Amino acid sequence: MRASPLRALILALVALASCVAADEAVAPEAAAVVAFPEPDPGGWSAVHVSPDGARAIAIADNGLRADLRLRREGGRLTGAGLISRAPLAGPDGRALEGAGEDSEGIATLPDGRVAVSFERESRILIYPADGGSPERLAVPEAETLDPNRGYEGLASSPDGTLYTLREGNVDETGPVPLWAWDGAWRVSRQIPRDRAWLAAGADIGPDGQIYILERAFLGLGFASRIRRFATTGHDPGELVWSSSFGVHGNLEGLSLWQDGATLRALMVSDNNHAGVARSEFVEIVLPRDLR
């Protein structure tokens, strides 16, 4: 059962109030914000940054892949340029279409293969490092997932284990399972839910923890935050970054990279294919230790 508009509004207000309080406690350097390069079809839902921070792959929710060059000054993001853009292919080698093209998450495996998670037709496609047709990996609970609340967060550990979690729903009160694939699916742990926050992206940090990008929506804008958790166990997690309502767009993708001793998080916003909304990259510096 979906939440009523009033209940959803109350939940979002509570979430945003906690976000503003968190801004005072977690204050990394100001975010670097750059527009997605033209031509921009919008709908960008996932991002992966190269280990040196010089390149990125972005995935849109209409089955497009864009390869980009990132410009920096002193490590700080200053711009992005488009290298190439092409539709994602299915196992049959043909471009994805219709409900099957709703790509939402990306992770690069240690051998160079690229995994992409999909929402409306829930599955993961794993693309060879040298291009070509992908292999299909079935996902757990596929038959029971809400078509618009599927696996948006996708991450890979250095040993090649894939981790994924679904977006969740504002009606839910219990935790969301973090699934791990290392030849078979297993529940690695449960991720505690917090009011109106929904999971939108994920990545594994150099500390081996999973960093989860979450968003809260209040009618005309979004607030975002990142929490991190051990991939196993029952720890409550830590808040490592948050934005106040309306500061950024609908941030969905998350990718971490290490610039010397500095840990940076690159995010991309989904403008929902609306010309008046922002389609941009946001990069922040994450604190190493909050305890």
Protein backbone atom coordinates (compact mmCIF):
# COMPACT_ATOMS: atom_id res chain seq x y z
CA MET A 1 0.00 0.00 0.00
CA ARG A 2 1.40 3.37 -0.99
CA ALA A 3 1.74 6.18 1.53
CA SER A 4 -0.86 8.94 1.37
CA PRO A 5 0.40 12.33 0.12
CA LEU A 6 0.12 13.73 3.64
CA ARG A 7 2.07 10.84 5.17
CA ALA A 8 4.77 11.10 2.50
CA LEU A 9 5.05 14.84 3.14
CA ILE A 10 5.38 14.33 6.90
CA LEU A 11 8.03 11.63 6.44
CA ALA A 12 10.01 13.83 4.07
CA LEU A 13 9.86 16.82 6.42
CA VAL A 14 11.17 14.70 9.28
CA ALA A 15 13.95 13.35 7.09
CA LEU A 16 14.94 16.81 5.90
CA ALA A 17 14.99 18.15 9.44
CA SER A 18 17.47 15.44 10.40
CA CYS A 19 19.50 16.23 7.27
CA VAL A 20 19.92 19.90 8.20
CA ALA A 21 21.09 18.89 11.66
CA ALA A 22 23.56 16.47 10.08
CA ASP A 23 24.99 19.25 7.87
CA GLU A 24 26.23 20.96 11.01
CA ALA A 25 27.95 17.79 12.21
CA VAL A 26 29.44 16.66 8.88
CA ALA A 27 31.05 19.49 6.95
CA PRO A 28 33.51 18.45 4.20
CA GLU A 29 34.82 21.05 1.76
CA ALA A 30 32.30 22.64 -0.59
CA ALA A 31 31.01 20.40 -3.35
CA ALA A 32 32.34 20.76 -6.89
CA VAL A 33 29.40 20.96 -9.31
CA VAL A 34 29.71 20.75 -13.12
CA ALA A 35 27.08 20.37 -15.82
CA PHE A 36 26.75 17.19 -17.85
CA PRO A 37 28.25 17.90 -21.28
CA GLU A 38 26.05 18.49 -24.29
CA PRO A 39 24.32 16.82 -26.00
CA ASP A 40 22.59 15.71 -22.80
CA PRO A 41 19.58 13.37 -23.11
CA GLY A 42 19.16 13.35 -19.31
CA GLY A 43 18.07 10.58 -16.99
CA TRP A 44 21.58 9.80 -15.69
CA SER A 45 21.22 7.27 -12.90
CA ALA A 46 24.65 5.71 -12.29
CA VAL A 47 28.31 6.63 -12.50
CA HIS A 48 31.71 4.94 -12.21
CA VAL A 49 34.92 7.00 -11.94
CA SER A 50 38.33 5.64 -12.93
CA PRO A 51 40.91 5.06 -10.15
CA ASP A 52 42.81 8.22 -11.17
CA GLY A 53 39.67 10.38 -11.33
CA ALA A 54 40.34 11.27 -14.97
CA ARG A 55 37.49 9.40 -16.66
CA ALA A 56 33.98 8.26 -15.88
CA ILE A 57 31.21 6.07 -17.22
CA ALA A 58 27.64 7.30 -16.80
CA ILE A 59 24.52 5.19 -17.29
CA ALA A 60 21.09 6.64 -18.05
CA ASP A 61 17.71 5.12 -17.24
CA ASN A 62 16.90 4.80 -20.94
CA GLY A 63 19.70 2.32 -21.61
CA LEU A 64 22.46 4.74 -22.67
CA ARG A 65 26.13 4.58 -21.72
CA ALA A 66 28.32 7.68 -21.88
CA ASP A 67 32.12 7.67 -21.53
CA LEU A 68 33.51 10.96 -20.28
CA ARG A 69 36.77 12.79 -19.65
CA LEU A 70 36.89 14.70 -16.34
CA ARG A 71 38.80 17.99 -16.06
CA ARG A 72 40.45 18.86 -12.75
CA GLU A 73 42.55 21.58 -11.13
CA GLY A 74 44.51 20.49 -8.09
CA GLY A 75 42.34 17.39 -7.93
CA ARG A 76 39.11 19.42 -7.80
CA LEU A 77 36.54 18.70 -10.52
CA THR A 78 36.13 21.63 -12.94
CA GLY A 79 34.42 20.12 -15.99
CA ALA A 80 33.42 17.07 -18.01
CA GLY A 81 33.73 16.29 -21.71
CA LEU A 82 31.91 13.64 -23.71
CA ILE A 83 34.10 10.96 -25.33
CA SER A 84 31.37 8.68 -26.67
CA ARG A 85 27.75 7.72 -26.15
CA ALA A 86 25.97 4.53 -27.21
CA PRO A 87 22.95 2.40 -26.29
CA LEU A 88 23.46 -0.63 -24.07
CA ALA A 89 22.98 -3.99 -25.76
CA GLY A 90 21.23 -7.08 -24.46
CA PRO A 91 22.48 -10.67 -24.55
CA ASP A 92 21.19 -10.94 -28.13
CA GLY A 93 23.47 -8.10 -29.20
CA ARG A 94 20.59 -5.72 -29.98
CA ALA A 95 20.01 -2.36 -28.28
CA LEU A 96 17.76 -2.56 -25.23
CA GLU A 97 14.20 -1.31 -25.64
CA GLY A 98 11.10 -0.52 -23.59
CA ALA A 99 10.93 -1.69 -20.00
CA GLY A 100 14.16 -3.62 -20.48
CA GLU A 101 16.27 -0.48 -20.89
CA ASP A 102 15.72 0.96 -17.37
CA SER A 103 19.37 0.82 -16.25
CA GLU A 104 19.97 2.18 -12.73
CA GLY A 105 23.28 0.97 -11.24
CA ILE A 106 26.85 0.31 -12.37
CA ALA A 107 29.89 -1.49 -10.94
CA THR A 108 33.22 -2.38 -12.53
CA LEU A 109 34.64 -5.78 -11.66
CA PRO A 110 38.38 -6.35 -11.02
CA ASP A 111 38.82 -8.03 -14.42
CA GLY A 112 37.40 -5.00 -16.24
CA ARG A 113 33.90 -6.30 -16.86
CA VAL A 114 31.09 -3.81 -16.26
CA ALA A 115 27.93 -4.82 -14.37
CA VAL A 116 24.70 -2.84 -14.81
CA SER A 117 21.54 -3.31 -12.74
CA PHE A 118 18.05 -2.74 -14.14
CA GLU A 119 14.83 -1.80 -12.38
CA ARG A 120 11.59 -2.38 -14.28
CA GLU A 121 12.82 -5.72 -15.69
CA SER A 122 14.91 -6.63 -12.66
CA ARG A 123 18.23 -8.23 -13.58
CA ILE A 124 21.96 -7.51 -13.85
CA LEU A 125 23.81 -7.56 -17.18
CA ILE A 126 27.58 -8.09 -17.07
CA TYR A 127 29.44 -6.69 -20.09
CA PRO A 128 32.85 -8.02 -21.22
CA ALA A 129 35.83 -5.70 -20.72
CA ASP A 130 36.48 -5.57 -24.46
CA GLY A 131 32.86 -4.92 -25.41
CA GLY A 132 30.36 -7.36 -26.86
CA SER A 133 27.14 -8.89 -25.63
CA PRO A 134 26.57 -9.24 -21.88
CA GLU A 135 25.71 -12.24 -19.76
CA ARG A 136 22.49 -12.08 -17.75
CA LEU A 137 22.49 -12.52 -13.99
CA ALA A 138 19.10 -13.07 -12.34
CA VAL A 139 18.51 -11.09 -9.15
CA PRO A 140 16.76 -12.22 -5.95
CA GLU A 141 13.11 -11.37 -5.27
CA ALA A 142 12.67 -10.25 -8.89
CA GLU A 143 9.05 -11.42 -9.03
CA THR A 144 7.99 -9.46 -5.95
CA LEU A 145 9.77 -6.14 -6.51
CA ASP A 146 7.84 -2.93 -7.13
CA PRO A 147 8.65 -2.00 -10.78
CA ASN A 148 9.93 1.42 -9.64
CA ARG A 149 11.63 0.31 -6.42
CA GLY A 150 14.21 -2.16 -7.70
CA TYR A 151 17.98 -2.54 -7.49
CA GLU A 152 19.45 0.95 -7.89
CA GLY A 153 22.54 0.42 -5.74
CA LEU A 154 25.26 -1.80 -7.25
CA ALA A 155 28.88 -2.14 -6.08
CA SER A 156 31.86 -4.46 -6.48
CA SER A 157 34.55 -5.34 -3.93
CA PRO A 158 38.23 -5.95 -4.84
CA ASP A 159 37.64 -9.73 -4.76
CA GLY A 160 34.86 -9.41 -7.37
CA THR A 161 31.88 -9.85 -5.05
CA LEU A 162 28.87 -7.89 -6.31
CA TYR A 163 26.65 -6.12 -3.79
CA THR A 164 23.20 -4.75 -4.52
CA LEU A 165 20.22 -3.39 -2.63
CA ARG A 166 16.84 -2.21 -3.74
CA GLU A 167 15.59 1.34 -3.45
CA GLY A 168 12.93 0.49 -0.89
CA ASN A 169 9.66 2.29 -0.30
CA VAL A 170 8.58 5.09 2.05
CA ASP A 171 5.91 2.70 3.41
CA GLU A 172 8.54 0.26 4.67
CA THR A 173 9.59 0.30 8.30
CA GLY A 174 12.00 -2.64 8.39
CA PRO A 175 15.55 -2.93 7.03
CA VAL A 176 16.49 -3.60 3.40
CA PRO A 177 18.67 -6.66 2.64
CA LEU A 178 22.13 -6.10 1.18
CA TRP A 179 22.59 -8.94 -1.29
CA ALA A 180 26.00 -10.33 -2.25
CA TRP A 181 26.90 -12.42 -5.32
CA ASP A 182 30.05 -14.54 -5.28
CA GLY A 183 28.72 -17.43 -7.34
CA ALA A 184 25.37 -17.52 -5.52
CA TRP A 185 23.16 -14.90 -3.94
CA ARG A 186 23.21 -14.50 -0.17
CA VAL A 187 22.05 -11.81 2.24
CA SER A 188 25.27 -10.19 3.42
CA ARG A 189 23.50 -8.06 6.05
CA GLN A 190 20.46 -5.89 6.64
CA ILE A 191 20.64 -2.12 6.03
CA PRO A 192 18.53 -0.16 8.55
CA ARG A 193 15.93 2.14 7.03
CA ASP A 194 15.47 5.72 8.19
CA ARG A 195 12.14 7.45 7.62
CA ALA A 196 11.73 8.81 4.09
CA TRP A 197 15.23 8.08 2.79
CA LEU A 198 15.49 5.78 -0.25
CA ALA A 199 18.66 4.10 -1.53
CA ALA A 200 19.80 5.47 -4.91
CA GLY A 201 23.42 4.35 -5.38
CA ALA A 202 26.28 2.46 -3.73
CA ASP A 203 30.01 1.83 -3.88
CA ILE A 204 32.69 0.00 -1.89
CA GLY A 205 35.26 2.28 -0.29
CA PRO A 206 38.99 1.67 0.24
CA ASP A 207 38.12 0.76 3.84
CA GLY A 208 36.05 -2.20 2.58
CA GLN A 209 32.79 -0.64 3.74
CA ILE A 210 29.78 -0.02 1.53
CA TYR A 211 28.81 3.62 1.02
CA ILE A 212 25.12 4.13 0.21
CA LEU A 213 23.72 7.26 -1.45
CA GLU A 214 20.18 8.02 -0.29
CA ARG A 215 17.65 10.70 -1.19
CA ALA A 216 14.50 12.24 0.25
CA PHE A 217 11.95 13.97 -1.99
CA LEU A 218 9.74 16.87 -0.99
CA GLY A 219 7.50 17.73 -3.92
CA LEU A 220 9.74 20.27 -5.66
CA GLY A 221 13.23 19.13 -4.69
CA PHE A 222 15.57 16.65 -3.06
CA ALA A 223 17.93 16.24 -0.16
CA SER A 224 20.75 13.71 -0.34
CA ARG A 225 23.08 11.93 2.05
CA ILE A 226 25.69 9.16 2.19
CA ARG A 227 25.86 6.52 4.92
CA ARG A 228 28.50 3.80 5.25
CA PHE A 229 28.25 0.31 6.70
CA ALA A 230 30.34 -2.80 7.15
CA THR A 231 29.27 -5.31 4.50
CA THR A 232 28.51 -7.87 7.23
CA GLY A 233 27.33 -7.66 10.82
CA HIS A 234 24.82 -5.44 12.55
CA ASP A 235 26.48 -2.03 12.96
CA PRO A 236 24.07 0.94 12.72
CA GLY A 237 26.20 2.66 10.11
CA GLU A 238 27.59 6.19 9.97
CA LEU A 239 26.42 9.35 8.26
CA VAL A 240 29.38 10.72 6.29
CA TRP A 241 27.77 13.48 4.19
CA SER A 242 24.44 15.20 3.66
CA SER A 243 22.99 18.07 1.66
CA SER A 244 20.14 20.32 2.67
CA PHE A 245 16.89 20.35 0.70
CA GLY A 246 17.18 21.85 -2.78
CA VAL A 247 20.96 22.30 -2.85
CA HIS A 248 21.48 19.60 -5.49
CA GLY A 249 19.27 17.80 -7.96
CA ASN A 250 18.11 14.18 -7.86
CA LEU A 251 21.48 12.57 -7.08
CA GLU A 252 21.38 8.87 -8.00
CA GLY A 253 24.80 7.49 -8.96
CA LEU A 254 27.76 7.22 -6.56
CA SER A 255 31.41 6.33 -7.21
CA LEU A 256 34.42 6.69 -4.89
CA TRP A 257 38.06 7.30 -5.78
CA GLN A 258 41.19 8.00 -3.78
CA ASP A 259 43.25 11.10 -4.58
CA GLY A 260 46.37 10.49 -2.48
CA ALA A 261 45.12 10.61 1.09
CA THR A 262 41.85 12.26 0.01
CA LEU A 263 38.70 10.20 -0.52
CA ARG A 264 36.38 11.74 -3.10
CA ALA A 265 32.81 10.78 -4.01
CA LEU A 266 31.46 11.52 -7.49
CA MET A 267 27.69 11.61 -7.92
CA VAL A 268 25.44 12.25 -10.92
CA SER A 269 21.92 13.71 -10.96
CA ASP A 270 18.90 12.32 -12.81
CA ASN A 271 16.83 15.16 -14.27
CA ASN A 272 13.99 12.73 -15.06
CA HIS A 273 14.24 13.87 -18.69
CA ALA A 274 12.80 17.27 -17.71
CA GLY A 275 14.52 20.20 -19.39
CA VAL A 276 13.97 22.50 -16.39
CA ALA A 277 15.78 20.11 -14.00
CA ARG A 278 19.53 19.86 -13.47
CA SER A 279 21.70 17.18 -15.04
CA GLU A 280 25.10 17.47 -13.40
CA PHE A 281 28.04 15.90 -11.60
CA VAL A 282 28.58 16.65 -7.92
CA GLU A 283 31.86 15.68 -6.26
CA ILE A 284 32.67 15.95 -2.56
CA VAL A 285 35.50 15.07 -0.19
CA LEU A 286 34.51 12.47 2.40
CA PRO A 287 35.84 12.41 5.94
CA ARG A 288 37.93 9.34 6.73
CA ASP A 289 36.92 8.79 10.35
CA LEU A 290 33.91 10.17 12.20
CA ARG A 291 34.23 8.09 15.34
